[in-house]
Amino acid sequence: MLLTSALALTALTPARAAEHDLNAWAAVTASIDVGKKGVLWLEAQTRFTDDASRLGQLLLRPAIGYKVDGLTTVFLGYAYVRTDPVGLGLSKEHRAFQQVSFRLAGDENGVTLTGRTRLEQRFREDMDGTGVRLRQQLRLTAPIEGKARAVVWTEPFIGLNRTAWGQEPGVNVWRNFFGVSLPVGAGLALEPGYLNQYFVRNGRDRVDHIASVTFNTKF
C-alpha cells in the first residue's frame, strides 16, 4: 500500500528534463530513553555528492521527546546543516523543528506502518528570512527472514512560504527509500538501501540516486 502510494504520488511530479547525480549517505542515530517518558534523539549524517566524490553536506540533529503513550511521541529539536555545492557558495542553515512520531498499524514484530510529521523553521546565516516547511513521512516495515525486515518509506517536503534564499511554496523535495533493516546486536540495527531524492526547481529539476546506510542505536 505504501509503495503503491509513493509511486503514484511521485508520478504526479511534472515530467521534464532533470539533472542526475550519484550520492552516498551515511548516518548514525541514537535513541536514548530518559526515565519512563523522556527520549533523547541524536543524529549525524554525512552526504557525499557529485558522483559521491566529495562531502557536499553535513547534518547534525539533536532532539528531546516525550512519549504521550505507547504509540505516539512528540519532539522538539534543532538541526545544523552545512552545504557545500560545486560552483556555489558554502551555506550554513539552522533549523528548529517540532515533530510527532506515531504508529498507525502493527506491533513492530509483523507488518508495521508508522508516520512522522515534522514542521521546520529554517534560517540561513548569510541571508534574511525564515522558511517554514512541512515534512510527512510514512514508513512500512515487514519481516522477511529471521529478524531482518524490509523497509519502504516515502516523504514529501512541502514549503509553506517563499524566502529570498530559495524556498518556494509547495512540494520542493520528495524522497522514496527501499531497503532492509538488519539487527547487528542488542538495540543496534544497520539499514542499507536505495534512496531516490527528487528536487523541484525553477530551472532543471534534479534527481539524486543515493546509496544510503544508517546505523540505528537504541538505549
Protein backbone atom coordinates (compact mmCIF):
# COMPACT_ATOMS: atom_id res chain seq x y z
CA MET A 1 0.00 0.00 0.00
CA LEU A 2 2.71 2.49 0.96
CA LEU A 3 4.88 1.65 -2.03
CA THR A 4 1.93 1.99 -4.41
CA SER A 5 1.03 5.37 -2.93
CA ALA A 6 4.63 6.62 -3.16
CA LEU A 7 4.95 5.67 -6.83
CA ALA A 8 1.58 7.18 -7.68
CA LEU A 9 2.32 10.46 -5.93
CA THR A 10 5.81 10.69 -7.45
CA ALA A 11 4.29 10.26 -10.90
CA LEU A 12 2.31 13.46 -10.36
CA THR A 13 5.55 15.49 -10.48
CA PRO A 14 5.72 17.37 -13.81
CA ALA A 15 7.70 15.38 -16.38
CA ARG A 16 10.65 17.50 -17.56
CA ALA A 17 14.39 17.26 -18.08
CA ALA A 18 16.31 16.78 -14.85
CA GLU A 19 19.92 16.64 -13.76
CA HIS A 20 21.06 13.38 -12.16
CA ASP A 21 23.71 12.78 -9.52
CA LEU A 22 25.03 9.80 -7.59
CA ASN A 23 25.33 10.23 -3.82
CA ALA A 24 26.48 8.17 -0.85
CA TRP A 25 24.91 9.00 2.51
CA ALA A 26 25.95 7.60 5.90
CA ALA A 27 24.05 8.30 9.11
CA VAL A 28 24.19 7.34 12.77
CA THR A 29 21.19 7.72 15.07
CA ALA A 30 20.82 7.19 18.80
CA SER A 31 17.55 6.97 20.71
CA ILE A 32 18.09 7.17 24.47
CA ASP A 33 15.28 6.67 26.99
CA VAL A 34 15.28 9.20 29.80
CA GLY A 35 13.07 7.97 32.62
CA LYS A 36 9.71 6.45 31.71
CA LYS A 37 8.50 9.15 29.31
CA GLY A 38 11.54 11.07 28.06
CA VAL A 39 13.57 10.43 24.91
CA LEU A 40 16.84 11.95 23.72
CA TRP A 41 17.41 11.71 19.97
CA LEU A 42 20.82 12.26 18.36
CA GLU A 43 21.56 12.09 14.64
CA ALA A 44 24.56 12.80 12.43
CA GLN A 45 24.75 12.46 8.65
CA THR A 46 27.46 12.85 6.03
CA ARG A 47 26.30 13.20 2.42
CA PHE A 48 28.82 12.68 -0.38
CA THR A 49 27.67 14.25 -3.65
CA ASP A 50 28.95 14.81 -7.22
CA ASP A 51 29.23 11.11 -8.02
CA ALA A 52 29.97 10.52 -4.32
CA SER A 53 33.36 12.19 -4.79
CA ARG A 54 33.18 14.89 -2.10
CA LEU A 55 31.45 15.81 1.15
CA GLY A 56 28.62 18.01 -0.06
CA GLN A 57 26.58 18.20 3.12
CA LEU A 58 26.90 17.61 6.86
CA LEU A 59 23.85 17.41 9.13
CA LEU A 60 23.65 17.29 12.95
CA ARG A 61 20.18 16.89 14.50
CA PRO A 62 19.51 16.51 18.26
CA ALA A 63 16.01 16.47 19.76
CA ILE A 64 14.20 15.83 23.02
CA GLY A 65 10.95 13.88 23.10
CA TYR A 66 8.04 12.94 25.33
CA LYS A 67 6.15 9.65 25.00
CA VAL A 68 2.47 10.55 25.05
CA ASP A 69 1.56 6.85 25.06
CA GLY A 70 2.85 3.60 23.59
CA LEU A 71 2.06 4.76 20.05
CA THR A 72 2.90 8.48 19.96
CA THR A 73 5.96 10.58 20.81
CA VAL A 74 6.32 14.36 20.40
CA PHE A 75 9.69 16.04 19.85
CA LEU A 76 11.33 19.46 19.91
CA GLY A 77 14.61 19.65 18.06
CA TYR A 78 17.32 21.56 16.26
CA ALA A 79 19.29 20.81 13.09
CA TYR A 80 22.54 22.25 11.76
CA VAL A 81 23.09 21.76 8.03
CA ARG A 82 26.35 22.71 6.29
CA THR A 83 26.04 22.58 2.49
CA ASP A 84 28.97 22.93 0.09
CA PRO A 85 27.70 22.63 -3.51
CA VAL A 86 30.00 22.77 -6.53
CA GLY A 87 30.04 26.21 -8.12
CA LEU A 88 28.00 27.86 -5.37
CA GLY A 89 28.90 29.37 -2.04
CA LEU A 90 29.05 27.45 1.21
CA SER A 91 25.86 27.81 3.25
CA LYS A 92 25.07 27.12 6.89
CA GLU A 93 21.46 26.51 7.86
CA HIS A 94 19.90 26.29 11.31
CA ARG A 95 16.51 24.65 11.83
CA ALA A 96 14.13 24.49 14.74
CA PHE A 97 11.55 21.73 14.41
CA GLN A 98 8.54 20.19 16.08
CA GLN A 99 7.67 16.57 15.37
CA VAL A 100 5.06 13.92 16.10
CA SER A 101 6.05 10.27 15.57
CA PHE A 102 3.26 7.69 15.65
CA ARG A 103 2.39 4.07 14.87
CA LEU A 104 -0.64 3.59 12.64
CA ALA A 105 -0.79 -0.20 12.41
CA GLY A 106 1.07 -3.30 13.54
CA ASP A 107 3.12 -4.18 16.61
CA GLU A 108 6.69 -3.72 15.28
CA ASN A 109 7.02 -7.51 15.00
CA GLY A 110 4.80 -8.18 11.98
CA VAL A 111 3.91 -5.75 9.19
CA THR A 112 4.01 -2.28 10.77
CA LEU A 113 3.09 1.18 9.45
CA THR A 114 4.43 4.27 11.18
CA GLY A 115 4.38 8.00 10.45
CA ARG A 116 6.34 11.12 11.25
CA THR A 117 5.05 14.68 10.88
CA ARG A 118 7.73 17.38 11.15
CA LEU A 119 7.35 21.17 10.98
CA GLU A 120 10.61 23.04 10.38
CA GLN A 121 11.61 26.69 10.72
CA ARG A 122 14.71 27.22 8.57
CA PHE A 123 17.28 30.03 8.98
CA ARG A 124 20.30 30.80 6.78
CA GLU A 125 23.34 32.50 8.32
CA ASP A 126 24.07 34.56 5.20
CA MET A 127 20.54 35.71 4.27
CA ASP A 128 17.41 37.04 5.97
CA GLY A 129 14.08 35.26 6.09
CA THR A 130 12.59 32.19 7.75
CA GLY A 131 11.47 29.25 5.66
CA VAL A 132 8.63 27.18 7.10
CA ARG A 133 8.43 23.64 5.78
CA LEU A 134 6.24 20.60 6.47
CA ARG A 135 7.58 17.07 6.07
CA GLN A 136 5.32 13.99 6.20
CA GLN A 137 6.89 10.55 6.25
CA LEU A 138 5.10 7.20 6.05
CA ARG A 139 7.19 4.10 6.71
CA LEU A 140 6.28 0.44 6.21
CA THR A 141 8.34 -2.46 7.60
CA ALA A 142 7.77 -6.19 7.27
CA PRO A 143 9.66 -9.32 8.41
CA ILE A 144 11.48 -11.12 5.59
CA GLU A 145 13.87 -13.67 7.14
CA GLY A 146 14.93 -14.23 10.72
CA LYS A 147 14.99 -10.82 12.39
CA ALA A 148 15.65 -8.91 9.16
CA ARG A 149 12.92 -6.54 7.95
CA ALA A 150 12.10 -4.98 4.61
CA VAL A 151 11.79 -1.18 4.82
CA VAL A 152 9.94 1.18 2.49
CA TRP A 153 9.23 4.84 3.17
CA THR A 154 8.15 7.99 1.37
CA GLU A 155 8.47 11.63 2.44
CA PRO A 156 7.42 14.82 0.63
CA PHE A 157 8.86 18.19 1.75
CA ILE A 158 6.26 20.96 1.44
CA GLY A 159 7.32 24.60 1.56
CA LEU A 160 4.73 26.79 3.26
CA ASN A 161 6.23 30.15 2.25
CA ARG A 162 8.74 31.84 -0.07
CA THR A 163 12.16 33.10 1.04
CA ALA A 164 14.84 35.28 -0.53
CA TRP A 165 17.29 32.36 -0.33
CA GLY A 166 15.27 29.99 -2.47
CA GLN A 167 12.46 28.17 -0.66
CA GLU A 168 9.26 28.10 -2.70
CA PRO A 169 5.70 27.18 -1.65
CA GLY A 170 4.56 23.66 -2.49
CA VAL A 171 6.31 20.32 -2.80
CA ASN A 172 10.00 21.03 -3.44
CA VAL A 173 11.64 17.73 -2.41
CA TRP A 174 10.36 14.15 -2.46
CA ARG A 175 12.26 11.17 -1.04
CA ASN A 176 11.49 7.47 -1.51
CA PHE A 177 13.53 4.71 0.15
CA PHE A 178 13.71 0.94 -0.37
CA GLY A 179 15.97 -1.18 1.83
CA VAL A 180 16.32 -3.58 4.73
CA SER A 181 16.87 -3.37 8.47
CA LEU A 182 19.46 -5.83 9.76
CA PRO A 183 19.91 -6.30 13.53
CA VAL A 184 23.58 -6.49 14.46
CA GLY A 185 23.28 -6.58 18.25
CA ALA A 186 21.04 -5.65 21.17
CA GLY A 187 19.50 -2.30 20.31
CA LEU A 188 21.64 -2.00 17.17
CA ALA A 189 20.48 -2.19 13.55
CA LEU A 190 22.02 -1.45 10.16
CA GLU A 191 19.69 -0.06 7.48
CA PRO A 192 21.17 -0.05 3.95
CA GLY A 193 19.18 0.71 0.83
CA TYR A 194 18.46 2.91 -2.17
CA LEU A 195 17.13 6.44 -1.65
CA ASN A 196 15.68 8.48 -4.52
CA GLN A 197 15.55 12.24 -3.93
CA TYR A 198 13.69 14.49 -6.40
CA PHE A 199 14.24 18.27 -6.24
CA VAL A 200 11.68 20.55 -7.90
CA ARG A 201 13.49 23.72 -9.03
CA ASN A 202 12.81 26.84 -11.09
CA GLY A 203 15.28 25.64 -13.71
CA ARG A 204 16.02 21.99 -14.35
CA ASP A 205 14.84 19.62 -11.65
CA ARG A 206 17.40 17.32 -10.02
CA VAL A 207 17.29 13.64 -9.14
CA ASP A 208 19.75 12.18 -6.64
CA HIS A 209 20.34 8.42 -6.73
CA ILE A 210 21.65 7.62 -3.25
CA ALA A 211 23.36 4.62 -1.73
CA SER A 212 22.19 5.11 1.84
CA VAL A 213 23.19 3.36 5.05
CA THR A 214 22.02 4.23 8.56
CA PHE A 215 23.31 2.76 11.80
CA ASN A 216 20.46 2.91 14.34
CA THR A 217 21.10 2.53 18.05
CA LYS A 218 18.67 2.40 20.95
CA PHE A 219 19.49 2.58 24.65
